[in-house]
């Protein structure tokens, strides 16, 4: 199978997030703060709906619950959220020296997780890695172009920089799918979607200001899902 073909969707997705972030930054200067806050709330509500839709794909709630609990323990101990935030701060310093944009790290972390935790990311990466089929990732790229544009109008340039995380994270998923994808059952993929959607739901709640969940600390849950599927 052509390696370039397998990763072409990742490259396209990275580019669309970057372009959408840049467009959003240009629009941000033209929009009043009252409007951008209203847009942020609307985006948060849409993200919550997306999360709920993915959660119901799970067939064994025990796997999701145990994965989230174990993943949260590991993620909190190594504090992935703080590490991602520090990465965002470093990128900000590289961009503007010692100046500080309060929303940079928030935009970077929020957008990175939003673009990488959905059902289309997981299934699309599996398809690309196993068969070289990038159709789902191409479709996701169009949606991410729109989402990154909207997010950048409220969270700023950090959204554009999240394209780096998309490149690394989604590229890693495709690589893993090339190596291990054939060993994952459809049920395991559904549980991965379910668990990832819990994180999307938490992101939505953060966006509308209801919670301040450190969603990145839940990421190790995705590692526990396939292991628990083997057990159950």
C-alpha atoms as a PDB file:
ATOM      1  CA  UNK A   1       0.000   0.000   0.000  1.00  0.00           C
ATOM      2  CA  UNK A   2       1.260   3.501  -0.880  1.00  0.00           C
ATOM      3  CA  UNK A   3       2.391   5.241   2.335  1.00  0.00           C
ATOM      4  CA  UNK A   4       1.933   8.685   0.793  1.00  0.00           C
ATOM      5  CA  UNK A   5      -1.664   7.819  -0.063  1.00  0.00           C
ATOM      6  CA  UNK A   6      -2.335   6.656   3.505  1.00  0.00           C
ATOM      7  CA  UNK A   7      -1.068   9.929   4.982  1.00  0.00           C
ATOM      8  CA  UNK A   8      -2.457  12.285   2.328  1.00  0.00           C
ATOM      9  CA  UNK A   9      -5.658  12.817   4.305  1.00  0.00           C
ATOM     10  CA  UNK A  10      -3.651  13.859   7.377  1.00  0.00           C
ATOM     11  CA  UNK A  11      -1.732  16.433   5.354  1.00  0.00           C
ATOM     12  CA  UNK A  12      -4.948  17.827   3.861  1.00  0.00           C
ATOM     13  CA  UNK A  13      -6.605  17.976   7.294  1.00  0.00           C
ATOM     14  CA  UNK A  14      -3.592  19.788   8.755  1.00  0.00           C
ATOM     15  CA  UNK A  15      -3.703  22.342   5.957  1.00  0.00           C
ATOM     16  CA  UNK A  16      -7.449  22.996   6.291  1.00  0.00           C
ATOM     17  CA  UNK A  17      -7.141  23.621  10.050  1.00  0.00           C
ATOM     18  CA  UNK A  18      -4.294  26.063   9.393  1.00  0.00           C
ATOM     19  CA  UNK A  19      -6.200  27.879   6.638  1.00  0.00           C
ATOM     20  CA  UNK A  20      -9.398  28.004   8.705  1.00  0.00           C
ATOM     21  CA  UNK A  21      -7.466  29.418  11.664  1.00  0.00           C
ATOM     22  CA  UNK A  22      -5.972  32.155   9.490  1.00  0.00           C
ATOM     23  CA  UNK A  23      -9.364  33.057   8.015  1.00  0.00           C
ATOM     24  CA  UNK A  24     -10.845  33.201  11.521  1.00  0.00           C
ATOM     25  CA  UNK A  25      -8.085  35.561  12.648  1.00  0.00           C
ATOM     26  CA  UNK A  26      -8.838  37.900   9.765  1.00  0.00           C
ATOM     27  CA  UNK A  27     -12.548  37.848  10.600  1.00  0.00           C
ATOM     28  CA  UNK A  28     -11.888  38.312  14.332  1.00  0.00           C
ATOM     29  CA  UNK A  29     -10.728  41.884  13.797  1.00  0.00           C
ATOM     30  CA  UNK A  30     -14.050  42.726  12.157  1.00  0.00           C
ATOM     31  CA  UNK A  31     -16.356  41.214  14.798  1.00  0.00           C
ATOM     32  CA  UNK A  32     -17.459  42.833  18.090  1.00  0.00           C
ATOM     33  CA  UNK A  33     -16.649  40.970  21.331  1.00  0.00           C
ATOM     34  CA  UNK A  34     -20.341  40.487  22.099  1.00  0.00           C
ATOM     35  CA  UNK A  35     -20.783  38.565  18.864  1.00  0.00           C
ATOM     36  CA  UNK A  36     -17.691  36.387  19.323  1.00  0.00           C
ATOM     37  CA  UNK A  37     -18.868  35.356  22.803  1.00  0.00           C
ATOM     38  CA  UNK A  38     -22.254  34.406  21.397  1.00  0.00           C
ATOM     39  CA  UNK A  39     -20.547  32.369  18.669  1.00  0.00           C
ATOM     40  CA  UNK A  40     -18.431  30.579  21.298  1.00  0.00           C
ATOM     41  CA  UNK A  41     -21.564  29.534  23.192  1.00  0.00           C
ATOM     42  CA  UNK A  42     -23.175  28.302  19.974  1.00  0.00           C
ATOM     43  CA  UNK A  43     -20.063  26.290  19.072  1.00  0.00           C
ATOM     44  CA  UNK A  44     -20.008  24.791  22.559  1.00  0.00           C
ATOM     45  CA  UNK A  45     -23.618  23.634  22.263  1.00  0.00           C
ATOM     46  CA  UNK A  46     -22.900  22.034  18.874  1.00  0.00           C
ATOM     47  CA  UNK A  47     -19.859  20.253  20.313  1.00  0.00           C
ATOM     48  CA  UNK A  48     -22.004  18.875  23.149  1.00  0.00           C
ATOM     49  CA  UNK A  49     -24.487  17.449  20.639  1.00  0.00           C
ATOM     50  CA  UNK A  50     -21.637  15.860  18.649  1.00  0.00           C
ATOM     51  CA  UNK A  51     -20.286  14.317  21.835  1.00  0.00           C
ATOM     52  CA  UNK A  52     -23.637  12.845  22.816  1.00  0.00           C
ATOM     53  CA  UNK A  53     -24.045  11.376  19.329  1.00  0.00           C
ATOM     54  CA  UNK A  54     -20.708   9.592  19.617  1.00  0.00           C
ATOM     55  CA  UNK A  55     -21.250   8.327  23.160  1.00  0.00           C
ATOM     56  CA  UNK A  56     -24.317   6.308  22.150  1.00  0.00           C
ATOM     57  CA  UNK A  57     -22.203   4.282  19.719  1.00  0.00           C
ATOM     58  CA  UNK A  58     -20.705   2.390  22.647  1.00  0.00           C
ATOM     59  CA  UNK A  59     -21.999  -1.117  23.290  1.00  0.00           C
ATOM     60  CA  UNK A  60     -20.386  -1.791  26.670  1.00  0.00           C
ATOM     61  CA  UNK A  61     -20.587   1.102  29.112  1.00  0.00           C
ATOM     62  CA  UNK A  62     -18.297  -0.680  31.569  1.00  0.00           C
ATOM     63  CA  UNK A  63     -15.423  -0.470  29.082  1.00  0.00           C
ATOM     64  CA  UNK A  64     -15.982   3.261  28.641  1.00  0.00           C
ATOM     65  CA  UNK A  65     -16.256   3.883  32.396  1.00  0.00           C
ATOM     66  CA  UNK A  66     -13.145   1.879  33.296  1.00  0.00           C
ATOM     67  CA  UNK A  67     -11.180   3.412  30.417  1.00  0.00           C
ATOM     68  CA  UNK A  68     -12.082   6.954  31.463  1.00  0.00           C
ATOM     69  CA  UNK A  69     -11.247   6.272  35.125  1.00  0.00           C
ATOM     70  CA  UNK A  70      -7.924   4.548  34.402  1.00  0.00           C
ATOM     71  CA  UNK A  71      -7.038   7.076  31.712  1.00  0.00           C
ATOM     72  CA  UNK A  72      -7.820   9.989  34.019  1.00  0.00           C
ATOM     73  CA  UNK A  73      -5.587   8.540  36.738  1.00  0.00           C
ATOM     74  CA  UNK A  74      -2.657   8.175  34.332  1.00  0.00           C
ATOM     75  CA  UNK A  75      -3.305  11.485  32.589  1.00  0.00           C
ATOM     76  CA  UNK A  76      -3.554  13.376  35.872  1.00  0.00           C
ATOM     77  CA  UNK A  77      -0.390  11.810  37.267  1.00  0.00           C
ATOM     78  CA  UNK A  78       1.642  12.914  34.239  1.00  0.00           C
ATOM     79  CA  UNK A  79      -0.541  16.052  33.823  1.00  0.00           C
ATOM     80  CA  UNK A  80      -0.974  16.006  30.049  1.00  0.00           C
ATOM     81  CA  UNK A  81      -3.141  19.137  30.178  1.00  0.00           C
ATOM     82  CA  UNK A  82      -0.333  21.169  31.765  1.00  0.00           C
ATOM     83  CA  UNK A  83       2.176  19.809  29.255  1.00  0.00           C
ATOM     84  CA  UNK A  84      -0.044  20.802  26.320  1.00  0.00           C
ATOM     85  CA  UNK A  85      -0.595  24.226  27.866  1.00  0.00           C
ATOM     86  CA  UNK A  86       3.162  24.701  28.280  1.00  0.00           C
ATOM     87  CA  UNK A  87       3.616  23.676  24.644  1.00  0.00           C
ATOM     88  CA  UNK A  88       1.080  26.330  23.693  1.00  0.00           C
ATOM     89  CA  UNK A  89       2.956  28.892  25.799  1.00  0.00           C
ATOM     90  CA  UNK A  90       6.242  28.003  24.072  1.00  0.00           C
ATOM     91  CA  UNK A  91       4.641  28.379  20.646  1.00  0.00           C
ATOM     92  CA  UNK A  92       3.273  31.747  21.754  1.00  0.00           C
ATOM     93  CA  UNK A  93       6.737  32.912  22.849  1.00  0.00           C
ATOM     94  CA  UNK A  94       8.219  31.745  19.545  1.00  0.00           C
ATOM     95  CA  UNK A  95       5.579  33.775  17.761  1.00  0.00           C
ATOM     96  CA  UNK A  96       5.580  36.987  19.821  1.00  0.00           C
ATOM     97  CA  UNK A  97       8.563  36.842  22.161  1.00  0.00           C
ATOM     98  CA  UNK A  98       7.578  37.663  25.731  1.00  0.00           C
ATOM     99  CA  UNK A  99       4.131  39.062  24.883  1.00  0.00           C
ATOM    100  CA  UNK A 100       1.217  37.062  26.233  1.00  0.00           C
ATOM    101  CA  UNK A 101      -2.094  36.422  24.509  1.00  0.00           C
ATOM    102  CA  UNK A 102      -4.430  35.102  27.183  1.00  0.00           C
ATOM    103  CA  UNK A 103      -6.390  32.865  24.837  1.00  0.00           C
ATOM    104  CA  UNK A 104      -3.471  31.344  22.928  1.00  0.00           C
ATOM    105  CA  UNK A 105      -2.989  28.211  25.032  1.00  0.00           C
ATOM    106  CA  UNK A 106      -6.752  27.808  25.477  1.00  0.00           C
ATOM    107  CA  UNK A 107      -7.256  27.986  21.730  1.00  0.00           C
ATOM    108  CA  UNK A 108      -4.383  25.602  21.031  1.00  0.00           C
ATOM    109  CA  UNK A 109      -5.499  22.940  23.547  1.00  0.00           C
ATOM    110  CA  UNK A 110      -9.228  23.240  22.845  1.00  0.00           C
ATOM    111  CA  UNK A 111      -8.876  23.085  19.064  1.00  0.00           C
ATOM    112  CA  UNK A 112      -6.288  20.293  19.204  1.00  0.00           C
ATOM    113  CA  UNK A 113      -8.591  18.057  21.226  1.00  0.00           C
ATOM    114  CA  UNK A 114     -11.723  18.983  19.276  1.00  0.00           C
ATOM    115  CA  UNK A 115     -10.150  18.141  15.920  1.00  0.00           C
ATOM    116  CA  UNK A 116      -8.602  14.863  17.123  1.00  0.00           C
ATOM    117  CA  UNK A 117     -11.152  13.185  19.418  1.00  0.00           C
ATOM    118  CA  UNK A 118     -14.154  12.673  17.136  1.00  0.00           C
ATOM    119  CA  UNK A 119     -15.559   9.581  15.514  1.00  0.00           C
ATOM    120  CA  UNK A 120     -14.429  10.729  12.075  1.00  0.00           C
ATOM    121  CA  UNK A 121     -10.841  11.034  13.314  1.00  0.00           C
ATOM    122  CA  UNK A 122     -10.767   7.514  14.735  1.00  0.00           C
ATOM    123  CA  UNK A 123     -12.640   5.729  11.958  1.00  0.00           C
ATOM    124  CA  UNK A 124     -11.085   7.859   9.221  1.00  0.00           C
ATOM    125  CA  UNK A 125      -7.574   7.150  10.494  1.00  0.00           C
ATOM    126  CA  UNK A 126      -8.356   3.431  10.684  1.00  0.00           C
ATOM    127  CA  UNK A 127      -9.598   3.428   7.086  1.00  0.00           C
ATOM    128  CA  UNK A 128      -6.575   5.398   5.886  1.00  0.00           C
ATOM    129  CA  UNK A 129      -4.084   3.184   7.689  1.00  0.00           C
ATOM    130  CA  UNK A 130      -5.624  -0.164   6.771  1.00  0.00           C
ATOM    131  CA  UNK A 131      -6.824   0.400   3.204  1.00  0.00           C
ATOM    132  CA  UNK A 132      -5.540   3.831   2.160  1.00  0.00           C
ATOM    133  CA  UNK A 133      -9.122   5.152   2.018  1.00  0.00           C
ATOM    134  CA  UNK A 134      -9.024   8.848   2.976  1.00  0.00           C
ATOM    135  CA  UNK A 135     -12.599   9.736   2.022  1.00  0.00           C
ATOM    136  CA  UNK A 136     -13.756  10.211   5.619  1.00  0.00           C
ATOM    137  CA  UNK A 137     -10.721  12.310   6.540  1.00  0.00           C
ATOM    138  CA  UNK A 138     -11.283  14.493   3.477  1.00  0.00           C
ATOM    139  CA  UNK A 139     -14.870  15.052   4.597  1.00  0.00           C
ATOM    140  CA  UNK A 140     -13.644  15.810   8.119  1.00  0.00           C
ATOM    141  CA  UNK A 141     -11.153  18.288   6.662  1.00  0.00           C
ATOM    142  CA  UNK A 142     -13.974  20.353   5.185  1.00  0.00           C
ATOM    143  CA  UNK A 143     -15.806  20.372   8.525  1.00  0.00           C
ATOM    144  CA  UNK A 144     -12.598  21.290  10.364  1.00  0.00           C
ATOM    145  CA  UNK A 145     -12.020  24.166   7.946  1.00  0.00           C
ATOM    146  CA  UNK A 146     -15.359  25.629   9.036  1.00  0.00           C
ATOM    147  CA  UNK A 147     -14.845  24.798  12.731  1.00  0.00           C
ATOM    148  CA  UNK A 148     -11.334  26.244  12.894  1.00  0.00           C
ATOM    149  CA  UNK A 149     -12.550  29.436  11.248  1.00  0.00           C
ATOM    150  CA  UNK A 150     -15.300  29.851  13.850  1.00  0.00           C
ATOM    151  CA  UNK A 151     -13.051  28.935  16.783  1.00  0.00           C
ATOM    152  CA  UNK A 152     -10.290  31.308  15.686  1.00  0.00           C
ATOM    153  CA  UNK A 153     -12.710  34.246  15.745  1.00  0.00           C
ATOM    154  CA  UNK A 154     -13.058  33.691  19.488  1.00  0.00           C
ATOM    155  CA  UNK A 155      -9.900  31.879  20.672  1.00  0.00           C
ATOM    156  CA  UNK A 156      -7.360  33.477  18.367  1.00  0.00           C
ATOM    157  CA  UNK A 157      -4.140  32.294  16.765  1.00  0.00           C
ATOM    158  CA  UNK A 158      -3.746  29.226  19.011  1.00  0.00           C
ATOM    159  CA  UNK A 159      -6.384  27.531  16.841  1.00  0.00           C
ATOM    160  CA  UNK A 160      -4.174  27.837  13.752  1.00  0.00           C
ATOM    161  CA  UNK A 161      -1.219  26.374  15.661  1.00  0.00           C
ATOM    162  CA  UNK A 162      -3.372  23.361  16.615  1.00  0.00           C
ATOM    163  CA  UNK A 163      -2.747  22.163  13.055  1.00  0.00           C
ATOM    164  CA  UNK A 164       0.636  20.937  14.359  1.00  0.00           C
ATOM    165  CA  UNK A 165      -1.108  18.721  16.908  1.00  0.00           C
ATOM    166  CA  UNK A 166      -3.466  17.428  14.201  1.00  0.00           C
ATOM    167  CA  UNK A 167      -0.471  16.488  12.058  1.00  0.00           C
ATOM    168  CA  UNK A 168       1.287  14.599  14.861  1.00  0.00           C
ATOM    169  CA  UNK A 169      -1.711  12.991  16.581  1.00  0.00           C
ATOM    170  CA  UNK A 170      -3.729  12.000  13.534  1.00  0.00           C
ATOM    171  CA  UNK A 171      -0.591  10.928  11.713  1.00  0.00           C
ATOM    172  CA  UNK A 172       0.236   8.668  14.667  1.00  0.00           C
ATOM    173  CA  UNK A 173      -3.247   7.126  14.522  1.00  0.00           C
ATOM    174  CA  UNK A 174      -2.822   6.335  10.838  1.00  0.00           C
ATOM    175  CA  UNK A 175       0.593   4.789  11.512  1.00  0.00           C
ATOM    176  CA  UNK A 176      -0.827   2.670  14.345  1.00  0.00           C
ATOM    177  CA  UNK A 177      -3.703   1.586  12.121  1.00  0.00           C
ATOM    178  CA  UNK A 178      -1.203   0.466   9.478  1.00  0.00           C
ATOM    179  CA  UNK A 179       0.524  -1.673  12.116  1.00  0.00           C
ATOM    180  CA  UNK A 180      -2.335  -2.848  14.340  1.00  0.00           C
ATOM    181  CA  UNK A 181      -5.603  -1.906  12.662  1.00  0.00           C
ATOM    182  CA  UNK A 182      -6.370  -5.392  11.423  1.00  0.00           C
ATOM    183  CA  UNK A 183      -6.380  -6.642  15.022  1.00  0.00           C
ATOM    184  CA  UNK A 184      -9.097  -4.212  16.177  1.00  0.00           C
ATOM    185  CA  UNK A 185     -12.688  -5.424  15.939  1.00  0.00           C
ATOM    186  CA  UNK A 186     -15.623  -3.216  14.964  1.00  0.00           C
ATOM    187  CA  UNK A 187     -16.746  -3.341  18.590  1.00  0.00           C
ATOM    188  CA  UNK A 188     -13.373  -1.997  19.751  1.00  0.00           C
ATOM    189  CA  UNK A 189     -13.587   0.858  17.241  1.00  0.00           C
ATOM    190  CA  UNK A 190     -17.084   1.724  18.507  1.00  0.00           C
ATOM    191  CA  UNK A 191     -15.813   1.799  22.090  1.00  0.00           C
ATOM    192  CA  UNK A 192     -12.955   4.083  21.017  1.00  0.00           C
ATOM    193  CA  UNK A 193     -15.500   6.421  19.423  1.00  0.00           C
ATOM    194  CA  UNK A 194     -17.647   6.304  22.561  1.00  0.00           C
ATOM    195  CA  UNK A 195     -14.744   7.106  24.879  1.00  0.00           C
ATOM    196  CA  UNK A 196     -13.404   9.849  22.622  1.00  0.00           C
ATOM    197  CA  UNK A 197     -16.880  11.368  22.477  1.00  0.00           C
ATOM    198  CA  UNK A 198     -16.961  11.655  26.272  1.00  0.00           C
ATOM    199  CA  UNK A 199     -13.969  13.977  25.893  1.00  0.00           C
ATOM    200  CA  UNK A 200     -15.751  15.965  23.184  1.00  0.00           C
ATOM    201  CA  UNK A 201     -18.758  16.325  25.490  1.00  0.00           C
ATOM    202  CA  UNK A 202     -16.461  17.633  28.245  1.00  0.00           C
ATOM    203  CA  UNK A 203     -14.941  20.101  25.758  1.00  0.00           C
ATOM    204  CA  UNK A 204     -18.391  21.412  24.889  1.00  0.00           C
ATOM    205  CA  UNK A 205     -19.208  21.975  28.554  1.00  0.00           C
ATOM    206  CA  UNK A 206     -15.930  23.877  28.926  1.00  0.00           C
ATOM    207  CA  UNK A 207     -16.685  26.044  25.902  1.00  0.00           C
ATOM    208  CA  UNK A 208     -20.031  27.222  27.275  1.00  0.00           C
ATOM    209  CA  UNK A 209     -18.452  27.910  30.660  1.00  0.00           C
ATOM    210  CA  UNK A 210     -20.254  25.246  32.686  1.00  0.00           C
ATOM    211  CA  UNK A 211     -17.105  23.319  33.656  1.00  0.00           C
ATOM    212  CA  UNK A 212     -13.322  23.625  33.611  1.00  0.00           C
ATOM    213  CA  UNK A 213     -12.449  19.990  32.967  1.00  0.00           C
ATOM    214  CA  UNK A 214      -8.827  19.224  32.064  1.00  0.00           C
ATOM    215  CA  UNK A 215      -9.869  17.195  29.048  1.00  0.00           C
ATOM    216  CA  UNK A 216      -6.321  16.423  27.883  1.00  0.00           C
ATOM    217  CA  UNK A 217      -5.803  14.396  31.069  1.00  0.00           C
ATOM    218  CA  UNK A 218      -8.429  11.955  29.786  1.00  0.00           C
ATOM    219  CA  UNK A 219      -6.431  11.088  26.647  1.00  0.00           C
ATOM    220  CA  UNK A 220      -4.795   7.887  28.036  1.00  0.00           C
ATOM    221  CA  UNK A 221      -8.299   6.409  28.186  1.00  0.00           C
ATOM    222  CA  UNK A 222      -7.961   5.691  24.459  1.00  0.00           C
ATOM    223  CA  UNK A 223      -5.061   3.366  25.219  1.00  0.00           C
ATOM    224  CA  UNK A 224      -7.073   1.374  27.755  1.00  0.00           C
ATOM    225  CA  UNK A 225     -10.091   0.859  25.465  1.00  0.00           C
ATOM    226  CA  UNK A 226      -8.610  -1.838  23.172  1.00  0.00           C
ATOM    227  CA  UNK A 227      -6.988  -3.568  26.163  1.00  0.00           C
ATOM    228  CA  UNK A 228     -10.283  -3.741  28.062  1.00  0.00           C
ATOM    229  CA  UNK A 229     -12.058  -4.932  24.907  1.00  0.00           C
ATOM    230  CA  UNK A 230      -9.750  -7.944  24.903  1.00  0.00           C
ATOM    231  CA  UNK A 231     -10.645  -8.627  28.542  1.00  0.00           C
ATOM    232  CA  UNK A 232     -14.401  -8.310  28.056  1.00  0.00           C
END
